[in-house]
C-alpha atoms as a PDB file:
ATOM      1  CA  CYS A   1    -138.983 -53.253 -81.063  1.00  0.00           C
ATOM      2  CA  VAL A   2    -141.321 -51.078 -83.061  1.00  0.00           C
ATOM      3  CA  ALA A   3    -141.697 -51.419 -86.838  1.00  0.00           C
ATOM      4  CA  ASN A   4    -140.414 -48.412 -88.754  1.00  0.00           C
ATOM      5  CA  ALA A   5    -139.349 -46.911 -85.396  1.00  0.00           C
ATOM      6  CA  ALA A   6    -136.978 -47.463 -82.508  1.00  0.00           C
ATOM      7  CA  VAL A   7    -135.341 -50.481 -80.920  1.00  0.00           C
ATOM      8  CA  GLU A   8    -134.970 -50.010 -77.182  1.00  0.00           C
ATOM      9  CA  LEU A   9    -132.701 -51.963 -74.838  1.00  0.00           C
ATOM     10  CA  TYR A  10    -133.283 -52.089 -71.075  1.00  0.00           C
ATOM     11  CA  TYR A  11    -131.383 -53.081 -67.943  1.00  0.00           C
ATOM     12  CA  ASN A  12    -133.365 -53.661 -64.749  1.00  0.00           C
ATOM     13  CA  ASN A  13    -136.347 -51.968 -66.407  1.00  0.00           C
ATOM     14  CA  ASN A  14    -134.315 -48.844 -67.220  1.00  0.00           C
ATOM     15  CA  LYS A  15    -133.839 -47.935 -70.868  1.00  0.00           C
ATOM     16  CA  LYS A  16    -130.122 -47.823 -71.682  1.00  0.00           C
ATOM     17  CA  ALA A  17    -129.970 -47.738 -75.493  1.00  0.00           C
ATOM     18  CA  GLU A  18    -132.319 -46.620 -78.228  1.00  0.00           C
ATOM     19  CA  THR A  19    -131.955 -46.490 -82.005  1.00  0.00           C
ATOM     20  CA  THR A  20    -132.938 -43.194 -83.617  1.00  0.00           C
ATOM     21  CA  ASN A  21    -133.247 -41.792 -87.116  1.00  0.00           C
ATOM     22  CA  GLY A  22    -129.718 -40.395 -86.763  1.00  0.00           C
ATOM     23  CA  GLY A  23    -128.049 -43.382 -85.068  1.00  0.00           C
ATOM     24  CA  ILE A  24    -128.161 -44.590 -81.477  1.00  0.00           C
ATOM     25  CA  GLN A  25    -128.705 -42.866 -78.141  1.00  0.00           C
ATOM     26  CA  VAL A  26    -127.156 -44.304 -74.982  1.00  0.00           C
ATOM     27  CA  THR A  27    -128.045 -43.522 -71.377  1.00  0.00           C
ATOM     28  CA  GLY A  28    -125.132 -44.256 -69.042  1.00  0.00           C
ATOM     29  CA  SER A  29    -121.594 -45.343 -69.794  1.00  0.00           C
ATOM     30  CA  VAL A  30    -120.146 -47.244 -72.755  1.00  0.00           C
ATOM     31  CA  ALA A  31    -117.314 -49.680 -71.996  1.00  0.00           C
ATOM     32  CA  CYS A  32    -115.184 -51.614 -74.487  1.00  0.00           C
ATOM     33  CA  SER A  33    -113.296 -54.729 -73.472  1.00  0.00           C
ATOM     34  CA  GLY A  34    -111.447 -57.556 -75.148  1.00  0.00           C
ATOM     35  CA  GLY A  35    -108.060 -56.074 -76.000  1.00  0.00           C
ATOM     36  CA  SER A  36    -106.571 -53.549 -78.391  1.00  0.00           C
ATOM     37  CA  SER A  37    -108.618 -54.780 -81.352  1.00  0.00           C
ATOM     38  CA  ASN A  38    -111.793 -53.199 -79.943  1.00  0.00           C
ATOM     39  CA  ASN A  39    -111.863 -49.592 -81.155  1.00  0.00           C
ATOM     40  CA  LEU A  40    -114.285 -46.756 -81.593  1.00  0.00           C
ATOM     41  CA  SER A  41    -113.974 -46.011 -85.306  1.00  0.00           C
ATOM     42  CA  LEU A  42    -115.458 -42.952 -86.999  1.00  0.00           C
ATOM     43  CA  PRO A  43    -115.164 -41.818 -90.629  1.00  0.00           C
ATOM     44  CA  ASP A  44    -113.693 -38.457 -91.648  1.00  0.00           C
ATOM     45  CA  ASN A  45    -115.747 -35.615 -90.179  1.00  0.00           C
ATOM     46  CA  GLY A  46    -117.500 -38.058 -87.855  1.00  0.00           C
ATOM     47  CA  LYS A  47    -117.366 -36.358 -84.464  1.00  0.00           C
ATOM     48  CA  VAL A  48    -117.289 -37.284 -80.812  1.00  0.00           C
ATOM     49  CA  LYS A  49    -119.445 -34.559 -79.253  1.00  0.00           C
ATOM     50  CA  VAL A  50    -119.496 -33.849 -75.533  1.00  0.00           C
ATOM     51  CA  GLY A  51    -121.666 -31.384 -73.608  1.00  0.00           C
ATOM     52  CA  THR A  52    -125.287 -30.312 -73.821  1.00  0.00           C
ATOM     53  CA  GLY A  53    -124.553 -27.949 -76.695  1.00  0.00           C
ATOM     54  CA  ASP A  54    -121.864 -30.137 -78.277  1.00  0.00           C
ATOM     55  CA  ASP A  55    -119.336 -27.810 -76.634  1.00  0.00           C
ATOM     56  CA  LEU A  56    -116.400 -30.191 -77.071  1.00  0.00           C
ATOM     57  CA  GLN A  57    -115.847 -31.976 -80.375  1.00  0.00           C
ATOM     58  CA  ILE A  58    -113.084 -34.360 -81.431  1.00  0.00           C
ATOM     59  CA  TYR A  59    -112.790 -35.341 -85.077  1.00  0.00           C
ATOM     60  CA  HIS A  60    -110.638 -35.754 -88.182  1.00  0.00           C
ATOM     61  CA  ASN A  61    -111.638 -33.658 -91.175  1.00  0.00           C
ATOM     62  CA  GLY A  62    -109.812 -35.755 -93.755  1.00  0.00           C
ATOM     63  CA  THR A  63    -106.700 -33.585 -93.574  1.00  0.00           C
ATOM     64  CA  HIS A  64    -106.207 -32.602 -89.949  1.00  0.00           C
ATOM     65  CA  SER A  65    -107.202 -33.849 -86.502  1.00  0.00           C
ATOM     66  CA  VAL A  66    -109.137 -31.348 -84.407  1.00  0.00           C
ATOM     67  CA  ILE A  67    -109.992 -30.904 -80.734  1.00  0.00           C
ATOM     68  CA  GLN A  68    -112.512 -28.050 -80.711  1.00  0.00           C
ATOM     69  CA  ASN A  69    -113.785 -26.428 -77.518  1.00  0.00           C
ATOM     70  CA  ASP A  70    -116.463 -23.731 -77.846  1.00  0.00           C
ATOM     71  CA  THR A  71    -117.279 -23.001 -74.186  1.00  0.00           C
ATOM     72  CA  GLY A  72    -115.021 -22.069 -71.281  1.00  0.00           C
ATOM     73  CA  THR A  73    -111.436 -23.312 -71.052  1.00  0.00           C
ATOM     74  CA  LEU A  74    -110.027 -26.562 -72.397  1.00  0.00           C
ATOM     75  CA  PHE A  75    -108.058 -28.125 -69.529  1.00  0.00           C
ATOM     76  CA  SER A  76    -105.474 -30.875 -69.787  1.00  0.00           C
ATOM     77  CA  LEU A  77    -105.030 -32.280 -66.285  1.00  0.00           C
ATOM     78  CA  ALA A  78    -101.843 -34.272 -65.715  1.00  0.00           C
ATOM     79  CA  ASP A  79     -98.648 -33.981 -63.687  1.00  0.00           C
ATOM     80  CA  ASN A  80     -96.508 -34.889 -66.693  1.00  0.00           C
ATOM     81  CA  VAL A  81     -97.407 -33.960 -70.267  1.00  0.00           C
ATOM     82  CA  SER A  82     -95.250 -34.734 -73.297  1.00  0.00           C
ATOM     83  CA  PHE A  83     -95.845 -33.797 -76.929  1.00  0.00           C
ATOM     84  CA  LYS A  84     -94.047 -35.995 -79.468  1.00  0.00           C
ATOM     85  CA  ASN A  85     -93.929 -36.491 -83.204  1.00  0.00           C
ATOM     86  CA  ASN A  86     -96.131 -39.032 -84.977  1.00  0.00           C
ATOM     87  CA  ALA A  87     -93.380 -41.676 -84.945  1.00  0.00           C
ATOM     88  CA  ASN A  88     -92.873 -41.198 -81.185  1.00  0.00           C
ATOM     89  CA  SER A  89     -89.171 -40.679 -81.858  1.00  0.00           C
ATOM     90  CA  GLU A  90     -88.820 -36.937 -81.153  1.00  0.00           C
ATOM     91  CA  THR A  91     -89.880 -34.778 -78.239  1.00  0.00           C
ATOM     92  CA  LEU A  92     -91.552 -31.464 -79.079  1.00  0.00           C
ATOM     93  CA  ALA A  93     -92.393 -30.149 -75.595  1.00  0.00           C
ATOM     94  CA  THR A  94     -92.728 -31.411 -72.024  1.00  0.00           C
ATOM     95  CA  PHE A  95     -94.590 -29.969 -69.043  1.00  0.00           C
ATOM     96  CA  THR A  96     -93.903 -31.231 -65.500  1.00  0.00           C
ATOM     97  CA  ALA A  97     -95.865 -30.232 -62.391  1.00  0.00           C
ATOM     98  CA  ASN A  98     -93.793 -28.337 -59.804  1.00  0.00           C
ATOM     99  CA  SER A  99     -90.897 -28.389 -62.239  1.00  0.00           C
ATOM    100  CA  SER A 100     -89.916 -27.303 -65.722  1.00  0.00           C
ATOM    101  CA  VAL A 101     -91.406 -26.617 -69.122  1.00  0.00           C
ATOM    102  CA  GLU A 102     -89.097 -27.725 -71.931  1.00  0.00           C
ATOM    103  CA  LEU A 103     -89.278 -26.738 -75.607  1.00  0.00           C
ATOM    104  CA  TYR A 104     -87.405 -28.613 -78.343  1.00  0.00           C
ATOM    105  CA  PHE A 105     -86.267 -28.112 -81.933  1.00  0.00           C
ATOM    106  CA  ASP A 106     -85.522 -31.251 -83.943  1.00  0.00           C
ATOM    107  CA  ASN A 107     -85.425 -33.246 -80.682  1.00  0.00           C
ATOM    108  CA  SER A 108     -82.835 -30.879 -79.170  1.00  0.00           C
ATOM    109  CA  LYS A 109     -83.883 -28.972 -76.051  1.00  0.00           C
ATOM    110  CA  LYS A 110     -83.647 -25.225 -76.638  1.00  0.00           C
ATOM    111  CA  LEU A 111     -85.518 -23.680 -73.695  1.00  0.00           C
ATOM    112  CA  GLU A 112     -86.191 -24.816 -70.151  1.00  0.00           C
ATOM    113  CA  THR A 113     -87.873 -22.944 -67.299  1.00  0.00           C
ATOM    114  CA  HIS A 114     -86.211 -23.004 -63.878  1.00  0.00           C
ATOM    115  CA  THR A 115     -87.081 -21.727 -60.423  1.00  0.00           C
ATOM    116  CA  ASN A 116     -84.816 -18.726 -61.099  1.00  0.00           C
ATOM    117  CA  GLY A 117     -85.980 -18.025 -64.653  1.00  0.00           C
ATOM    118  CA  VAL A 118     -85.216 -19.561 -68.037  1.00  0.00           C
ATOM    119  CA  HIS A 119     -82.223 -21.458 -69.430  1.00  0.00           C
ATOM    120  CA  MET A 120     -81.630 -21.417 -73.170  1.00  0.00           C
ATOM    121  CA  SER A 121     -79.444 -23.326 -75.591  1.00  0.00           C
ATOM    122  CA  GLY A 122     -78.639 -21.581 -78.835  1.00  0.00           C
ATOM    123  CA  SER A 123     -79.025 -18.034 -80.117  1.00  0.00           C
ATOM    124  CA  ILE A 124     -81.696 -15.339 -79.911  1.00  0.00           C
ATOM    125  CA  TYR A 125     -82.537 -13.544 -83.141  1.00  0.00           C
ATOM    126  CA  VAL A 126     -84.437 -10.250 -82.997  1.00  0.00           C
ATOM    127  CA  PRO A 127     -85.528  -8.422 -86.177  1.00  0.00           C
ATOM    128  CA  ASP A 128     -84.619  -4.807 -86.956  1.00  0.00           C
ATOM    129  CA  SER A 129     -86.126  -2.180 -84.637  1.00  0.00           C
ATOM    130  CA  GLU A 130     -87.406  -4.797 -82.183  1.00  0.00           C
ATOM    131  CA  ILE A 131     -85.826  -4.395 -78.755  1.00  0.00           C
ATOM    132  CA  ILE A 132     -84.531  -6.576 -75.964  1.00  0.00           C
ATOM    133  CA  GLY A 133     -85.736  -4.637 -72.933  1.00  0.00           C
ATOM    134  CA  PHE A 134     -84.744  -4.680 -69.266  1.00  0.00           C
ATOM    135  CA  GLY A 135     -86.457  -3.008 -66.329  1.00  0.00           C
ATOM    136  CA  ASP A 136     -89.967  -1.589 -66.631  1.00  0.00           C
ATOM    137  CA  THR A 137     -92.011  -3.972 -68.790  1.00  0.00           C
ATOM    138  CA  SER A 138     -94.067  -1.191 -70.398  1.00  0.00           C
ATOM    139  CA  ASN A 139     -91.166   1.246 -70.892  1.00  0.00           C
ATOM    140  CA  PRO A 140     -87.843  -0.597 -70.466  1.00  0.00           C
ATOM    141  CA  ASP A 141     -84.993   1.345 -68.820  1.00  0.00           C
ATOM    142  CA  LEU A 142     -82.339  -0.456 -70.851  1.00  0.00           C
ATOM    143  CA  ARG A 143     -82.810  -1.357 -74.516  1.00  0.00           C
ATOM    144  CA  ILE A 144     -80.616  -3.241 -76.965  1.00  0.00           C
ATOM    145  CA  PHE A 145     -81.639  -3.126 -80.621  1.00  0.00           C
ATOM    146  CA  HIS A 146     -80.680  -2.606 -84.252  1.00  0.00           C
ATOM    147  CA  ASN A 147     -82.713  -0.053 -86.213  1.00  0.00           C
ATOM    148  CA  GLY A 148     -81.763  -1.349 -89.652  1.00  0.00           C
ATOM    149  CA  ASN A 149     -78.778   0.996 -89.940  1.00  0.00           C
ATOM    150  CA  HIS A 150     -77.097   1.117 -86.534  1.00  0.00           C
ATOM    151  CA  SER A 151     -76.862  -0.907 -83.331  1.00  0.00           C
ATOM    152  CA  PHE A 152     -77.768   0.657 -79.990  1.00  0.00           C
ATOM    153  CA  ILE A 153     -77.321   0.065 -76.280  1.00  0.00           C
ATOM    154  CA  GLU A 154     -79.710   2.657 -74.889  1.00  0.00           C
ATOM    155  CA  ASP A 155     -80.029   3.396 -71.174  1.00  0.00           C
ATOM    156  CA  SER A 156     -82.789   5.936 -70.752  1.00  0.00           C
ATOM    157  CA  GLY A 157     -84.103   4.842 -67.361  1.00  0.00           C
ATOM    158  CA  THR A 158     -83.110   5.261 -63.736  1.00  0.00           C
ATOM    159  CA  GLY A 159     -79.486   5.367 -62.597  1.00  0.00           C
ATOM    160  CA  ASN A 160     -76.224   4.794 -64.420  1.00  0.00           C
ATOM    161  CA  LEU A 161     -75.138   2.280 -67.036  1.00  0.00           C
ATOM    162  CA  PHE A 162     -72.345   0.203 -65.481  1.00  0.00           C
ATOM    163  CA  VAL A 163     -69.993  -2.146 -67.318  1.00  0.00           C
ATOM    164  CA  LYS A 164     -68.196  -4.305 -64.746  1.00  0.00           C
ATOM    165  CA  THR A 165     -65.118  -6.257 -65.867  1.00  0.00           C
ATOM    166  CA  SER A 166     -61.453  -6.715 -65.035  1.00  0.00           C
ATOM    167  CA  LYS A 167     -60.500  -5.912 -68.638  1.00  0.00           C
ATOM    168  CA  PHE A 168     -62.545  -3.994 -71.167  1.00  0.00           C
ATOM    169  CA  ALA A 169     -61.723  -4.043 -74.879  1.00  0.00           C
ATOM    170  CA  VAL A 170     -63.360  -2.456 -77.898  1.00  0.00           C
ATOM    171  CA  GLU A 171     -62.404  -3.888 -81.295  1.00  0.00           C
ATOM    172  CA  ASN A 172     -63.432  -3.459 -84.911  1.00  0.00           C
ATOM    173  CA  ALA A 173     -66.232  -5.600 -86.341  1.00  0.00           C
ATOM    174  CA  ALA A 174     -63.742  -8.141 -87.732  1.00  0.00           C
ATOM    175  CA  GLY A 175     -62.165  -8.565 -84.287  1.00  0.00           C
ATOM    176  CA  ASN A 176     -58.633  -7.997 -85.585  1.00  0.00           C
ATOM    177  CA  GLU A 177     -58.008  -4.378 -84.616  1.00  0.00           C
ATOM    178  CA  SER A 178     -58.016  -2.747 -81.179  1.00  0.00           C
ATOM    179  CA  LEU A 179     -59.846   0.540 -80.647  1.00  0.00           C
ATOM    180  CA  LEU A 180     -59.749   0.861 -76.858  1.00  0.00           C
ATOM    181  CA  SER A 181     -58.468  -1.237 -73.966  1.00  0.00           C
ATOM    182  CA  ALA A 182     -58.957  -0.676 -70.222  1.00  0.00           C
ATOM    183  CA  THR A 183     -57.386  -2.954 -67.570  1.00  0.00           C
ATOM    184  CA  GLN A 184     -58.246  -3.158 -63.878  1.00  0.00           C
ATOM    185  CA  ASP A 185     -55.415  -1.693 -61.723  1.00  0.00           C
ATOM    186  CA  GLY A 186     -53.648  -0.866 -64.981  1.00  0.00           C
ATOM    187  CA  SER A 187     -53.782   1.271 -68.057  1.00  0.00           C
ATOM    188  CA  VAL A 188     -56.341   2.677 -70.428  1.00  0.00           C
ATOM    189  CA  GLU A 189     -55.151   2.532 -74.031  1.00  0.00           C
ATOM    190  CA  LEU A 190     -56.473   4.320 -77.101  1.00  0.00           C
ATOM    191  CA  TYR A 191     -55.638   3.221 -80.637  1.00  0.00           C
ATOM    192  CA  HIS A 192     -55.644   4.684 -84.131  1.00  0.00           C
ATOM    193  CA  ASN A 193     -55.789   2.309 -87.071  1.00  0.00           C
ATOM    194  CA  GLY A 194     -54.603  -0.522 -84.828  1.00  0.00           C
ATOM    195  CA  THR A 195     -51.670   1.457 -83.419  1.00  0.00           C
ATOM    196  CA  LYS A 196     -51.605   2.509 -79.763  1.00  0.00           C
ATOM    197  CA  ARG A 197     -51.456   6.301 -79.521  1.00  0.00           C
ATOM    198  CA  PHE A 198     -52.412   7.001 -75.908  1.00  0.00           C
ATOM    199  CA  GLU A 199     -51.849   5.094 -72.653  1.00  0.00           C
ATOM    200  CA  THR A 200     -52.361   6.020 -69.020  1.00  0.00           C
ATOM    201  CA  THR A 201     -49.527   5.103 -66.629  1.00  0.00           C
ATOM    202  CA  ASN A 202     -48.837   5.204 -62.890  1.00  0.00           C
ATOM    203  CA  SER A 203     -47.273   8.645 -63.282  1.00  0.00           C
ATOM    204  CA  GLY A 204     -49.506  10.118 -65.986  1.00  0.00           C
ATOM    205  CA  VAL A 205     -49.917   9.394 -69.671  1.00  0.00           C
ATOM    206  CA  ASP A 206     -47.797   8.281 -72.573  1.00  0.00           C
ATOM    207  CA  VAL A 207     -48.610   9.698 -76.011  1.00  0.00           C
ATOM    208  CA  THR A 208     -47.255   8.280 -79.232  1.00  0.00           C
ATOM    209  CA  GLY A 209     -47.262  10.876 -81.996  1.00  0.00           C
ATOM    210  CA  THR A 210     -48.139  14.540 -81.902  1.00  0.00           C
END
């Protein structure tokens, strides 16, 4: 002990702890034992700093908790990671090694990755003029979008646009009036104002009206 200076603590003639003007400096590891009542407590904006240049810092700024990494990549190494709410009553996201990533809304799973892609629960909402694209990632061959005035299914890429079904029907927006109907191994029907005016048959066509 030195007056107006440092206090130094040794183990086997090796200095392990030293008081400084700013606090205490430790050489080696710090272990806490004795149960859950033994904590490392820091005031707001008091930081745990790790790395030669304080590259990693963990602290609470009085409003938010922060994990700040200034160098390289911040890795979280675990085979199972779960993010939950403060009350530990709702799941926000889970990450499982060699398995799925799951994303939740209000504790209800909405998206899950699978070996063959992604499974979703719920709806997808896309704003005006933003597309859902298929094919080439930089210039999609097939696009589905709404431009603010009209809705489009646009196939501008390679090959044909196929619609495969045993029965194909086109209706009005309210879903209460037929516009067109096509049935496998059967007829194609065309309508006007909900009334059938044209129908293909085995021998030709039937026309209602002039």
